[in-house]
Amino acid sequence: MNRSTRKAIRKLKDGDGNYLLNRDLTSAWGYSLFGKPVYTSDNMPEIGAGKKAIIYGDMTGLSVKLTKDVEIQVLQELYTAQHSLRVVGWVEIDGKISDQQKLTVLNIANIISNLEYKV
């Protein structure tokens, strides 16, 4: 999810008054949602109507392939007059959902309407 989405759902509670998003010191990123760790990415859309703002589930259902070795080039000659050097890197990565049963996209509108209904 996007950071702004995480910020928005931090305030959501279930029918018993428990927060849905919890601080989790054992999680690498500090939060858990329904017992799963929460990862943020600027590549995810912000929360809104018709947006797929949260992908939820077991991330082992996602396969990632490095199609090319990482290439790093140090550019020294161009920047010697400035007493500096620059580093350029290239990597090609591809991803695919390999197990549809492990991942889902949460419908934020349904969650919010269900929570409002219970309150």
PDB file of N, CA and C in Angstrom:
ATOM      1  N   MET A   1       0.826  -1.182   0.000  1.00  0.00           N
ATOM      2  CA  MET A   1       0.000   0.000   0.000  1.00  0.00           C
ATOM      3  C   MET A   1       0.871   1.246   0.000  1.00  0.00           C
ATOM      4  N   ASN A   2       0.277   2.350  -0.385  1.00  0.00           N
ATOM      5  CA  ASN A   2       0.949   3.642  -0.357  1.00  0.00           C
ATOM      6  C   ASN A   2       1.019   4.130   1.097  1.00  0.00           C
ATOM      7  N   ARG A   3       1.984   4.996   1.403  1.00  0.00           N
ATOM      8  CA  ARG A   3       2.103   5.520   2.769  1.00  0.00           C
ATOM      9  C   ARG A   3       0.858   6.295   3.197  1.00  0.00           C
ATOM     10  N   SER A   4       0.266   7.042   2.254  1.00  0.00           N
ATOM     11  CA  SER A   4      -0.942   7.805   2.601  1.00  0.00           C
ATOM     12  C   SER A   4      -2.116   6.857   2.892  1.00  0.00           C
ATOM     13  N   THR A   5      -2.155   5.713   2.220  1.00  0.00           N
ATOM     14  CA  THR A   5      -3.185   4.716   2.496  1.00  0.00           C
ATOM     15  C   THR A   5      -2.998   4.149   3.899  1.00  0.00           C
ATOM     16  N   ARG A   6      -1.758   3.848   4.241  1.00  0.00           N
ATOM     17  CA  ARG A   6      -1.471   3.334   5.592  1.00  0.00           C
ATOM     18  C   ARG A   6      -1.893   4.353   6.646  1.00  0.00           C
ATOM     19  N   LYS A   7      -1.609   5.615   6.373  1.00  0.00           N
ATOM     20  CA  LYS A   7      -1.983   6.670   7.311  1.00  0.00           C
ATOM     21  C   LYS A   7      -3.504   6.736   7.478  1.00  0.00           C
ATOM     22  N   ALA A   8      -4.242   6.562   6.374  1.00  0.00           N
ATOM     23  CA  ALA A   8      -5.705   6.622   6.425  1.00  0.00           C
ATOM     24  C   ALA A   8      -6.296   5.436   7.176  1.00  0.00           C
ATOM     25  N   ILE A   9      -5.777   4.235   6.964  1.00  0.00           N
ATOM     26  CA  ILE A   9      -6.383   3.057   7.612  1.00  0.00           C
ATOM     27  C   ILE A   9      -5.907   2.868   9.054  1.00  0.00           C
ATOM     28  N   ARG A  10      -4.926   3.635   9.490  1.00  0.00           N
ATOM     29  CA  ARG A  10      -4.495   3.559  10.889  1.00  0.00           C
ATOM     30  C   ARG A  10      -5.633   3.925  11.841  1.00  0.00           C
ATOM     31  N   LYS A  11      -6.577   4.727  11.374  1.00  0.00           N
ATOM     32  CA  LYS A  11      -7.670   5.196  12.222  1.00  0.00           C
ATOM     33  C   LYS A  11      -8.871   4.263  12.225  1.00  0.00           C
ATOM     34  N   LEU A  12      -8.905   3.263  11.335  1.00  0.00           N
ATOM     35  CA  LEU A  12     -10.058   2.373  11.227  1.00  0.00           C
ATOM     36  C   LEU A  12     -10.092   1.365  12.376  1.00  0.00           C
ATOM     37  N   LYS A  13     -11.307   1.126  12.897  1.00  0.00           N
ATOM     38  CA  LYS A  13     -11.501   0.164  13.973  1.00  0.00           C
ATOM     39  C   LYS A  13     -12.577  -0.831  13.562  1.00  0.00           C
ATOM     40  N   ASP A  14     -12.529  -2.014  14.164  1.00  0.00           N
ATOM     41  CA  ASP A  14     -13.589  -2.994  13.910  1.00  0.00           C
ATOM     42  C   ASP A  14     -14.767  -2.729  14.848  1.00  0.00           C
ATOM     43  N   GLY A  15     -15.758  -3.593  14.818  1.00  0.00           N
ATOM     44  CA  GLY A  15     -16.958  -3.424  15.631  1.00  0.00           C
ATOM     45  C   GLY A  15     -16.704  -3.464  17.129  1.00  0.00           C
ATOM     46  N   ASP A  16     -15.584  -4.065  17.549  1.00  0.00           N
ATOM     47  CA  ASP A  16     -15.244  -4.140  18.972  1.00  0.00           C
ATOM     48  C   ASP A  16     -14.354  -2.994  19.425  1.00  0.00           C
ATOM     49  N   GLY A  17     -14.025  -2.081  18.526  1.00  0.00           N
ATOM     50  CA  GLY A  17     -13.187  -0.939  18.882  1.00  0.00           C
ATOM     51  C   GLY A  17     -11.692  -1.196  18.743  1.00  0.00           C
ATOM     52  N   ASN A  18     -11.303  -2.317  18.156  1.00  0.00           N
ATOM     53  CA  ASN A  18      -9.883  -2.634  17.959  1.00  0.00           C
ATOM     54  C   ASN A  18      -9.408  -2.046  16.633  1.00  0.00           C
ATOM     55  N   TYR A  19      -8.210  -1.494  16.634  1.00  0.00           N
ATOM     56  CA  TYR A  19      -7.634  -0.971  15.405  1.00  0.00           C
ATOM     57  C   TYR A  19      -7.318  -2.111  14.439  1.00  0.00           C
ATOM     58  N   LEU A  20      -7.560  -1.875  13.147  1.00  0.00           N
ATOM     59  CA  LEU A  20      -7.244  -2.884  12.135  1.00  0.00           C
ATOM     60  C   LEU A  20      -5.745  -2.942  11.874  1.00  0.00           C
ATOM     61  N   LEU A  21      -5.096  -1.783  11.855  1.00  0.00           N
ATOM     62  CA  LEU A  21      -3.654  -1.698  11.621  1.00  0.00           C
ATOM     63  C   LEU A  21      -2.972  -1.559  12.972  1.00  0.00           C
ATOM     64  N   ASN A  22      -2.103  -2.494  13.287  1.00  0.00           N
ATOM     65  CA  ASN A  22      -1.471  -2.516  14.605  1.00  0.00           C
ATOM     66  C   ASN A  22       0.030  -2.361  14.512  1.00  0.00           C
ATOM     67  N   ARG A  23       0.609  -1.675  15.505  1.00  0.00           N
ATOM     68  CA  ARG A  23       2.061  -1.617  15.621  1.00  0.00           C
ATOM     69  C   ARG A  23       2.535  -3.020  15.972  1.00  0.00           C
ATOM     70  N   ASP A  24       3.570  -3.478  15.271  1.00  0.00           N
ATOM     71  CA  ASP A  24       4.091  -4.826  15.496  1.00  0.00           C
ATOM     72  C   ASP A  24       5.609  -4.740  15.512  1.00  0.00           C
ATOM     73  N   LEU A  25       6.188  -4.819  16.682  1.00  0.00           N
ATOM     74  CA  LEU A  25       7.633  -4.693  16.811  1.00  0.00           C
ATOM     75  C   LEU A  25       8.382  -5.888  16.243  1.00  0.00           C
ATOM     76  N   THR A  26       7.703  -7.013  16.074  1.00  0.00           N
ATOM     77  CA  THR A  26       8.354  -8.190  15.508  1.00  0.00           C
ATOM     78  C   THR A  26       8.372  -8.145  13.980  1.00  0.00           C
ATOM     79  N   SER A  27       7.564  -7.275  13.383  1.00  0.00           N
ATOM     80  CA  SER A  27       7.502  -7.141  11.926  1.00  0.00           C
ATOM     81  C   SER A  27       8.645  -6.258  11.439  1.00  0.00           C
ATOM     82  N   ALA A  28       9.177  -6.588  10.274  1.00  0.00           N
ATOM     83  CA  ALA A  28      10.307  -5.826   9.723  1.00  0.00           C
ATOM     84  C   ALA A  28       9.947  -4.372   9.452  1.00  0.00           C
ATOM     85  N   TRP A  29       8.674  -4.091   9.139  1.00  0.00           N
ATOM     86  CA  TRP A  29       8.260  -2.729   8.772  1.00  0.00           C
ATOM     87  C   TRP A  29       7.446  -2.057   9.858  1.00  0.00           C
ATOM     88  N   GLY A  30       7.219  -2.718  10.993  1.00  0.00           N
ATOM     89  CA  GLY A  30       6.614  -2.063  12.138  1.00  0.00           C
ATOM     90  C   GLY A  30       5.107  -2.120  12.257  1.00  0.00           C
ATOM     91  N   TYR A  31       4.384  -2.599  11.247  1.00  0.00           N
ATOM     92  CA  TYR A  31       2.925  -2.670  11.319  1.00  0.00           C
ATOM     93  C   TYR A  31       2.444  -4.032  10.828  1.00  0.00           C
ATOM     94  N   SER A  32       1.256  -4.422  11.298  1.00  0.00           N
ATOM     95  CA  SER A  32       0.608  -5.614  10.769  1.00  0.00           C
ATOM     96  C   SER A  32      -0.867  -5.305  10.524  1.00  0.00           C
ATOM     97  N   LEU A  33      -1.435  -5.925   9.497  1.00  0.00           N
ATOM     98  CA  LEU A  33      -2.842  -5.780   9.132  1.00  0.00           C
ATOM     99  C   LEU A  33      -3.428  -7.179   9.053  1.00  0.00           C
ATOM    100  N   PHE A  34      -4.365  -7.492   9.936  1.00  0.00           N
ATOM    101  CA  PHE A  34      -4.949  -8.828  10.029  1.00  0.00           C
ATOM    102  C   PHE A  34      -3.876  -9.897  10.192  1.00  0.00           C
ATOM    103  N   GLY A  35      -2.815  -9.575  10.946  1.00  0.00           N
ATOM    104  CA  GLY A  35      -1.758 -10.531  11.229  1.00  0.00           C
ATOM    105  C   GLY A  35      -0.659 -10.634  10.183  1.00  0.00           C
ATOM    106  N   LYS A  36      -0.751  -9.890   9.086  1.00  0.00           N
ATOM    107  CA  LYS A  36       0.268  -9.917   8.034  1.00  0.00           C
ATOM    108  C   LYS A  36       1.092  -8.630   8.094  1.00  0.00           C
ATOM    109  N   PRO A  37       2.408  -8.696   7.784  1.00  0.00           N
ATOM    110  CA  PRO A  37       3.218  -7.474   7.780  1.00  0.00           C
ATOM    111  C   PRO A  37       2.749  -6.510   6.693  1.00  0.00           C
ATOM    112  N   VAL A  38       2.933  -5.211   6.941  1.00  0.00           N
ATOM    113  CA  VAL A  38       2.513  -4.162   6.015  1.00  0.00           C
ATOM    114  C   VAL A  38       3.744  -3.592   5.328  1.00  0.00           C
ATOM    115  N   TYR A  39       3.719  -3.592   3.997  1.00  0.00           N
ATOM    116  CA  TYR A  39       4.793  -3.014   3.191  1.00  0.00           C
ATOM    117  C   TYR A  39       4.240  -1.799   2.460  1.00  0.00           C
ATOM    118  N   THR A  40       5.019  -0.724   2.398  1.00  0.00           N
ATOM    119  CA  THR A  40       4.568   0.462   1.674  1.00  0.00           C
ATOM    120  C   THR A  40       5.415   0.650   0.424  1.00  0.00           C
ATOM    121  N   SER A  41       4.778   1.232  -0.604  1.00  0.00           N
ATOM    122  CA  SER A  41       5.452   1.501  -1.865  1.00  0.00           C
ATOM    123  C   SER A  41       4.843   2.745  -2.495  1.00  0.00           C
ATOM    124  N   ASP A  42       5.688   3.616  -2.998  1.00  0.00           N
ATOM    125  CA  ASP A  42       5.210   4.805  -3.704  1.00  0.00           C
ATOM    126  C   ASP A  42       4.592   4.439  -5.046  1.00  0.00           C
ATOM    127  N   ASN A  43       4.792   3.207  -5.508  1.00  0.00           N
ATOM    128  CA  ASN A  43       4.218   2.765  -6.781  1.00  0.00           C
ATOM    129  C   ASN A  43       2.746   2.365  -6.659  1.00  0.00           C
ATOM    130  N   MET A  44       2.247   2.208  -5.455  1.00  0.00           N
ATOM    131  CA  MET A  44       0.833   1.875  -5.255  1.00  0.00           C
ATOM    132  C   MET A  44       0.015   3.163  -5.275  1.00  0.00           C
ATOM    133  N   PRO A  45      -1.212   3.105  -5.822  1.00  0.00           N
ATOM    134  CA  PRO A  45      -2.044   4.318  -5.841  1.00  0.00           C
ATOM    135  C   PRO A  45      -2.515   4.679  -4.436  1.00  0.00           C
ATOM    136  N   GLU A  46      -2.846   5.956  -4.267  1.00  0.00           N
ATOM    137  CA  GLU A  46      -3.396   6.393  -2.993  1.00  0.00           C
ATOM    138  C   GLU A  46      -4.824   5.879  -2.864  1.00  0.00           C
ATOM    139  N   ILE A  47      -5.311   5.808  -1.638  1.00  0.00           N
ATOM    140  CA  ILE A  47      -6.653   5.302  -1.373  1.00  0.00           C
ATOM    141  C   ILE A  47      -7.686   6.210  -2.046  1.00  0.00           C
ATOM    142  N   GLY A  48      -8.693   5.606  -2.652  1.00  0.00           N
ATOM    143  CA  GLY A  48      -9.743   6.366  -3.319  1.00  0.00           C
ATOM    144  C   GLY A  48     -10.728   5.448  -3.996  1.00  0.00           C
ATOM    145  N   ALA A  49     -11.825   6.033  -4.450  1.00  0.00           N
ATOM    146  CA  ALA A  49     -12.883   5.252  -5.098  1.00  0.00           C
ATOM    147  C   ALA A  49     -12.364   4.614  -6.377  1.00  0.00           C
ATOM    148  N   GLY A  50     -12.593   3.315  -6.515  1.00  0.00           N
ATOM    149  CA  GLY A  50     -12.202   2.598  -7.721  1.00  0.00           C
ATOM    150  C   GLY A  50     -10.715   2.288  -7.830  1.00  0.00           C
ATOM    151  N   LYS A  51      -9.928   2.624  -6.818  1.00  0.00           N
ATOM    152  CA  LYS A  51      -8.483   2.362  -6.841  1.00  0.00           C
ATOM    153  C   LYS A  51      -8.185   1.049  -6.151  1.00  0.00           C
ATOM    154  N   LYS A  52      -7.207   0.337  -6.676  1.00  0.00           N
ATOM    155  CA  LYS A  52      -6.728  -0.894  -6.052  1.00  0.00           C
ATOM    156  C   LYS A  52      -5.537  -0.515  -5.186  1.00  0.00           C
ATOM    157  N   ALA A  53      -5.834  -0.043  -3.978  1.00  0.00           N
ATOM    158  CA  ALA A  53      -4.826   0.590  -3.138  1.00  0.00           C
ATOM    159  C   ALA A  53      -4.068  -0.375  -2.231  1.00  0.00           C
ATOM    160  N   ILE A  54      -4.620  -1.561  -1.992  1.00  0.00           N
ATOM    161  CA  ILE A  54      -3.961  -2.506  -1.083  1.00  0.00           C
ATOM    162  C   ILE A  54      -3.965  -3.900  -1.700  1.00  0.00           C
ATOM    163  N   ILE A  55      -2.799  -4.504  -1.781  1.00  0.00           N
ATOM    164  CA  ILE A  55      -2.680  -5.914  -2.153  1.00  0.00           C
ATOM    165  C   ILE A  55      -2.392  -6.656  -0.861  1.00  0.00           C
ATOM    166  N   TYR A  56      -3.211  -7.656  -0.564  1.00  0.00           N
ATOM    167  CA  TYR A  56      -3.131  -8.344   0.715  1.00  0.00           C
ATOM    168  C   TYR A  56      -2.954  -9.837   0.506  1.00  0.00           C
ATOM    169  N   GLY A  57      -2.151 -10.445   1.363  1.00  0.00           N
ATOM    170  CA  GLY A  57      -2.015 -11.890   1.323  1.00  0.00           C
ATOM    171  C   GLY A  57      -0.615 -12.362   1.620  1.00  0.00           C
ATOM    172  N   ASP A  58      -0.333 -13.555   1.168  1.00  0.00           N
ATOM    173  CA  ASP A  58       0.960 -14.193   1.356  1.00  0.00           C
ATOM    174  C   ASP A  58       1.826 -13.878   0.142  1.00  0.00           C
ATOM    175  N   MET A  59       2.867 -13.093   0.333  1.00  0.00           N
ATOM    176  CA  MET A  59       3.697 -12.626  -0.787  1.00  0.00           C
ATOM    177  C   MET A  59       4.542 -13.733  -1.423  1.00  0.00           C
ATOM    178  N   THR A  60       4.472 -14.955  -0.881  1.00  0.00           N
ATOM    179  CA  THR A  60       5.158 -16.053  -1.570  1.00  0.00           C
ATOM    180  C   THR A  60       4.414 -16.427  -2.849  1.00  0.00           C
ATOM    181  N   GLY A  61       3.214 -15.906  -3.026  1.00  0.00           N
ATOM    182  CA  GLY A  61       2.461 -16.121  -4.257  1.00  0.00           C
ATOM    183  C   GLY A  61       2.909 -15.221  -5.389  1.00  0.00           C
ATOM    184  N   LEU A  62       3.886 -14.370  -5.123  1.00  0.00           N
ATOM    185  CA  LEU A  62       4.432 -13.459  -6.126  1.00  0.00           C
ATOM    186  C   LEU A  62       5.825 -13.933  -6.509  1.00  0.00           C
ATOM    187  N   SER A  63       6.062 -14.117  -7.801  1.00  0.00           N
ATOM    188  CA  SER A  63       7.384 -14.528  -8.285  1.00  0.00           C
ATOM    189  C   SER A  63       8.079 -13.334  -8.925  1.00  0.00           C
ATOM    190  N   VAL A  64       9.357 -13.195  -8.631  1.00  0.00           N
ATOM    191  CA  VAL A  64      10.155 -12.103  -9.183  1.00  0.00           C
ATOM    192  C   VAL A  64      11.337 -12.709  -9.919  1.00  0.00           C
ATOM    193  N   LYS A  65      11.616 -12.165 -11.096  1.00  0.00           N
ATOM    194  CA  LYS A  65      12.708 -12.688 -11.910  1.00  0.00           C
ATOM    195  C   LYS A  65      13.646 -11.549 -12.290  1.00  0.00           C
ATOM    196  N   LEU A  66      14.929 -11.740 -12.015  1.00  0.00           N
ATOM    197  CA  LEU A  66      15.957 -10.815 -12.500  1.00  0.00           C
ATOM    198  C   LEU A  66      16.360 -11.293 -13.881  1.00  0.00           C
ATOM    199  N   THR A  67      16.015 -10.528 -14.915  1.00  0.00           N
ATOM    200  CA  THR A  67      16.270 -10.983 -16.279  1.00  0.00           C
ATOM    201  C   THR A  67      17.666 -10.634 -16.760  1.00  0.00           C
ATOM    202  N   LYS A  68      18.361  -9.790 -16.044  1.00  0.00           N
ATOM    203  CA  LYS A  68      19.697  -9.380 -16.447  1.00  0.00           C
ATOM    204  C   LYS A  68      20.510  -9.142 -15.185  1.00  0.00           C
ATOM    205  N   ASP A  69      21.793  -9.429 -15.235  1.00  0.00           N
ATOM    206  CA  ASP A  69      22.640  -9.155 -14.079  1.00  0.00           C
ATOM    207  C   ASP A  69      22.683  -7.656 -13.803  1.00  0.00           C
ATOM    208  N   VAL A  70      22.903  -7.321 -12.560  1.00  0.00           N
ATOM    209  CA  VAL A  70      23.051  -5.920 -12.190  1.00  0.00           C
ATOM    210  C   VAL A  70      24.357  -5.393 -12.776  1.00  0.00           C
ATOM    211  N   GLU A  71      24.268  -4.261 -13.456  1.00  0.00           N
ATOM    212  CA  GLU A  71      25.458  -3.642 -14.038  1.00  0.00           C
ATOM    213  C   GLU A  71      25.711  -2.318 -13.335  1.00  0.00           C
ATOM    214  N   ILE A  72      26.943  -2.118 -12.920  1.00  0.00           N
ATOM    215  CA  ILE A  72      27.331  -0.871 -12.263  1.00  0.00           C
ATOM    216  C   ILE A  72      28.540  -0.311 -12.992  1.00  0.00           C
ATOM    217  N   GLN A  73      28.473   0.976 -13.295  1.00  0.00           N
ATOM    218  CA  GLN A  73      29.561   1.634 -14.000  1.00  0.00           C
ATOM    219  C   GLN A  73      29.971   2.876 -13.207  1.00  0.00           C
ATOM    220  N   VAL A  74      31.267   3.029 -12.968  1.00  0.00           N
ATOM    221  CA  VAL A  74      31.799   4.191 -12.275  1.00  0.00           C
ATOM    222  C   VAL A  74      32.323   5.175 -13.319  1.00  0.00           C
ATOM    223  N   LEU A  75      31.806   6.394 -13.294  1.00  0.00           N
ATOM    224  CA  LEU A  75      32.204   7.437 -14.241  1.00  0.00           C
ATOM    225  C   LEU A  75      33.184   8.379 -13.550  1.00  0.00           C
ATOM    226  N   GLN A  76      34.480   8.192 -13.835  1.00  0.00           N
ATOM    227  CA  GLN A  76      35.494   9.002 -13.169  1.00  0.00           C
ATOM    228  C   GLN A  76      35.984  10.149 -14.057  1.00  0.00           C
ATOM    229  N   GLU A  77      36.237   9.862 -15.323  1.00  0.00           N
ATOM    230  CA  GLU A  77      36.878  10.840 -16.198  1.00  0.00           C
ATOM    231  C   GLU A  77      36.040  12.103 -16.382  1.00  0.00           C
ATOM    232  N   LEU A  78      34.739  11.944 -16.504  1.00  0.00           N
ATOM    233  CA  LEU A  78      33.862  13.085 -16.732  1.00  0.00           C
ATOM    234  C   LEU A  78      33.877  14.087 -15.589  1.00  0.00           C
ATOM    235  N   TYR A  79      34.094  13.626 -14.385  1.00  0.00           N
ATOM    236  CA  TYR A  79      33.930  14.469 -13.211  1.00  0.00           C
ATOM    237  C   TYR A  79      35.233  14.726 -12.448  1.00  0.00           C
ATOM    238  N   THR A  80      36.381  14.493 -13.059  1.00  0.00           N
ATOM    239  CA  THR A  80      37.658  14.696 -12.356  1.00  0.00           C
ATOM    240  C   THR A  80      37.900  16.161 -12.032  1.00  0.00           C
ATOM    241  N   ALA A  81      37.435  17.079 -12.857  1.00  0.00           N
ATOM    242  CA  ALA A  81      37.632  18.505 -12.589  1.00  0.00           C
ATOM    243  C   ALA A  81      36.884  18.936 -11.327  1.00  0.00           C
ATOM    244  N   GLN A  82      35.836  18.232 -10.986  1.00  0.00           N
ATOM    245  CA  GLN A  82      35.054  18.562  -9.785  1.00  0.00           C
ATOM    246  C   GLN A  82      35.482  17.716  -8.583  1.00  0.00           C
ATOM    247  N   HIS A  83      36.545  16.904  -8.757  1.00  0.00           N
ATOM    248  CA  HIS A  83      37.048  16.011  -7.706  1.00  0.00           C
ATOM    249  C   HIS A  83      35.934  15.090  -7.200  1.00  0.00           C
ATOM    250  N   SER A  84      35.185  14.541  -8.114  1.00  0.00           N
ATOM    251  CA  SER A  84      34.106  13.632  -7.744  1.00  0.00           C
ATOM    252  C   SER A  84      33.985  12.517  -8.776  1.00  0.00           C
ATOM    253  N   LEU A  85      33.207  11.548  -8.477  1.00  0.00           N
ATOM    254  CA  LEU A  85      32.890  10.489  -9.427  1.00  0.00           C
ATOM    255  C   LEU A  85      31.415  10.180  -9.312  1.00  0.00           C
ATOM    256  N   ARG A  86      30.877   9.580 -10.347  1.00  0.00           N
ATOM    257  CA  ARG A  86      29.460   9.225 -10.378  1.00  0.00           C
ATOM    258  C   ARG A  86      29.334   7.734 -10.617  1.00  0.00           C
ATOM    259  N   VAL A  87      28.277   7.152 -10.096  1.00  0.00           N
ATOM    260  CA  VAL A  87      28.021   5.731 -10.253  1.00  0.00           C
ATOM    261  C   VAL A  87      26.647   5.567 -10.912  1.00  0.00           C
ATOM    262  N   VAL A  88      26.599   4.742 -11.956  1.00  0.00           N
ATOM    263  CA  VAL A  88      25.358   4.458 -12.667  1.00  0.00           C
ATOM    264  C   VAL A  88      25.111   2.961 -12.579  1.00  0.00           C
ATOM    265  N   GLY A  89      23.843   2.589 -12.320  1.00  0.00           N
ATOM    266  CA  GLY A  89      23.513   1.174 -12.237  1.00  0.00           C
ATOM    267  C   GLY A  89      22.286   0.839 -13.053  1.00  0.00           C
ATOM    268  N   TRP A  90      22.238  -0.384 -13.588  1.00  0.00           N
ATOM    269  CA  TRP A  90      21.101  -0.881 -14.364  1.00  0.00           C
ATOM    270  C   TRP A  90      20.708  -2.252 -13.836  1.00  0.00           C
ATOM    271  N   VAL A  91      19.413  -2.477 -13.771  1.00  0.00           N
ATOM    272  CA  VAL A  91      18.897  -3.790 -13.408  1.00  0.00           C
ATOM    273  C   VAL A  91      17.527  -3.939 -14.076  1.00  0.00           C
ATOM    274  N   GLU A  92      17.215  -5.137 -14.518  1.00  0.00           N
ATOM    275  CA  GLU A  92      15.928  -5.416 -15.149  1.00  0.00           C
ATOM    276  C   GLU A  92      15.218  -6.475 -14.318  1.00  0.00           C
ATOM    277  N   ILE A  93      14.032  -6.121 -13.802  1.00  0.00           N
ATOM    278  CA  ILE A  93      13.279  -7.008 -12.920  1.00  0.00           C
ATOM    279  C   ILE A  93      11.869  -7.187 -13.472  1.00  0.00           C
ATOM    280  N   ASP A  94      11.349  -8.401 -13.368  1.00  0.00           N
ATOM    281  CA  ASP A  94       9.991  -8.692 -13.806  1.00  0.00           C
ATOM    282  C   ASP A  94       9.284  -9.447 -12.688  1.00  0.00           C
ATOM    283  N   GLY A  95       7.990  -9.229 -12.534  1.00  0.00           N
ATOM    284  CA  GLY A  95       7.232  -9.912 -11.495  1.00  0.00           C
ATOM    285  C   GLY A  95       5.933 -10.467 -12.042  1.00  0.00           C
ATOM    286  N   LYS A  96       5.445 -11.527 -11.392  1.00  0.00           N
ATOM    287  CA  LYS A  96       4.211 -12.177 -11.826  1.00  0.00           C
ATOM    288  C   LYS A  96       3.577 -12.866 -10.626  1.00  0.00           C
ATOM    289  N   ILE A  97       2.253 -12.858 -10.592  1.00  0.00           N
ATOM    290  CA  ILE A  97       1.548 -13.605  -9.556  1.00  0.00           C
ATOM    291  C   ILE A  97       1.554 -15.071  -9.971  1.00  0.00           C
ATOM    292  N   SER A  98       2.204 -15.893  -9.172  1.00  0.00           N
ATOM    293  CA  SER A  98       2.333 -17.305  -9.512  1.00  0.00           C
ATOM    294  C   SER A  98       1.266 -18.173  -8.833  1.00  0.00           C
ATOM    295  N   ASP A  99       0.664 -17.676  -7.751  1.00  0.00           N
ATOM    296  CA  ASP A  99      -0.375 -18.422  -7.054  1.00  0.00           C
ATOM    297  C   ASP A  99      -1.509 -17.463  -6.695  1.00  0.00           C
ATOM    298  N   GLN A 100      -2.580 -17.493  -7.484  1.00  0.00           N
ATOM    299  CA  GLN A 100      -3.720 -16.589  -7.306  1.00  0.00           C
ATOM    300  C   GLN A 100      -4.404 -16.764  -5.944  1.00  0.00           C
ATOM    301  N   GLN A 101      -4.273 -17.937  -5.344  1.00  0.00           N
ATOM    302  CA  GLN A 101      -4.937 -18.218  -4.071  1.00  0.00           C
ATOM    303  C   GLN A 101      -4.303 -17.472  -2.900  1.00  0.00           C
ATOM    304  N   LYS A 102      -3.084 -16.986  -3.072  1.00  0.00           N
ATOM    305  CA  LYS A 102      -2.370 -16.368  -1.959  1.00  0.00           C
ATOM    306  C   LYS A 102      -2.500 -14.851  -1.896  1.00  0.00           C
ATOM    307  N   LEU A 103      -2.949 -14.209  -2.963  1.00  0.00           N
ATOM    308  CA  LEU A 103      -3.016 -12.746  -3.005  1.00  0.00           C
ATOM    309  C   LEU A 103      -4.398 -12.266  -3.407  1.00  0.00           C
ATOM    310  N   THR A 104      -4.782 -11.119  -2.883  1.00  0.00           N
ATOM    311  CA  THR A 104      -6.034 -10.483  -3.268  1.00  0.00           C
ATOM    312  C   THR A 104      -5.873  -8.975  -3.197  1.00  0.00           C
ATOM    313  N   VAL A 105      -6.739  -8.272  -3.882  1.00  0.00           N
ATOM    314  CA  VAL A 105      -6.773  -6.818  -3.815  1.00  0.00           C
ATOM    315  C   VAL A 105      -7.974  -6.451  -2.957  1.00  0.00           C
ATOM    316  N   LEU A 106      -7.728  -5.697  -1.880  1.00  0.00           N
ATOM    317  CA  LEU A 106      -8.816  -5.340  -0.984  1.00  0.00           C
ATOM    318  C   LEU A 106      -9.655  -4.218  -1.581  1.00  0.00           C
ATOM    319  N   ASN A 107     -10.963  -4.360  -1.464  1.00  0.00           N
ATOM    320  CA  ASN A 107     -11.902  -3.339  -1.907  1.00  0.00           C
ATOM    321  C   ASN A 107     -12.152  -2.409  -0.726  1.00  0.00           C
ATOM    322  N   ILE A 108     -11.519  -1.240  -0.750  1.00  0.00           N
ATOM    323  CA  ILE A 108     -11.579  -0.300   0.369  1.00  0.00           C
ATOM    324  C   ILE A 108     -13.013   0.168   0.619  1.00  0.00           C
ATOM    325  N   ALA A 109     -13.793   0.412  -0.436  1.00  0.00           N
ATOM    326  CA  ALA A 109     -15.159   0.902  -0.267  1.00  0.00           C
ATOM    327  C   ALA A 109     -15.998  -0.086   0.539  1.00  0.00           C
ATOM    328  N   ASN A 110     -15.842  -1.396   0.275  1.00  0.00           N
ATOM    329  CA  ASN A 110     -16.604  -2.404   1.027  1.00  0.00           C
ATOM    330  C   ASN A 110     -16.177  -2.465   2.484  1.00  0.00           C
ATOM    331  N   ILE A 111     -14.888  -2.346   2.736  1.00  0.00           N
ATOM    332  CA  ILE A 111     -14.397  -2.392   4.117  1.00  0.00           C
ATOM    333  C   ILE A 111     -14.946  -1.210   4.906  1.00  0.00           C
ATOM    334  N   ILE A 112     -14.860  -0.016   4.339  1.00  0.00           N
ATOM    335  CA  ILE A 112     -15.309   1.177   5.037  1.00  0.00           C
ATOM    336  C   ILE A 112     -16.821   1.136   5.262  1.00  0.00           C
ATOM    337  N   SER A 113     -17.599   0.709   4.247  1.00  0.00           N
ATOM    338  CA  SER A 113     -19.053   0.659   4.426  1.00  0.00           C
ATOM    339  C   SER A 113     -19.435  -0.398   5.478  1.00  0.00           C
ATOM    340  N   ASN A 114     -18.733  -1.531   5.512  1.00  0.00           N
ATOM    341  CA  ASN A 114     -19.018  -2.555   6.519  1.00  0.00           C
ATOM    342  C   ASN A 114     -18.687  -2.058   7.925  1.00  0.00           C
ATOM    343  N   LEU A 115     -17.581  -1.321   8.058  1.00  0.00           N
ATOM    344  CA  LEU A 115     -17.210  -0.787   9.364  1.00  0.00           C
ATOM    345  C   LEU A 115     -18.219   0.261   9.819  1.00  0.00           C
ATOM    346  N   GLU A 116     -18.672   1.111   8.904  1.00  0.00           N
ATOM    347  CA  GLU A 116     -19.649   2.139   9.261  1.00  0.00           C
ATOM    348  C   GLU A 116     -20.974   1.496   9.632  1.00  0.00           C
ATOM    349  N   TYR A 117     -21.314   0.394   8.982  1.00  0.00           N
ATOM    350  CA  TYR A 117     -22.563  -0.295   9.262  1.00  0.00           C
ATOM    351  C   TYR A 117     -22.560  -0.872  10.685  1.00  0.00           C
ATOM    352  N   LYS A 118     -21.404  -1.402  11.122  1.00  0.00           N
ATOM    353  CA  LYS A 118     -21.317  -2.034  12.431  1.00  0.00           C
ATOM    354  C   LYS A 118     -21.280  -1.016  13.569  1.00  0.00           C
ATOM    355  N   VAL A 119     -20.849   0.197  13.279  1.00  0.00           N
ATOM    356  CA  VAL A 119     -20.696   1.209  14.325  1.00  0.00           C
ATOM    357  C   VAL A 119     -21.984   1.788  14.745  1.00  0.00           C
TER     358      VAL A 119
END
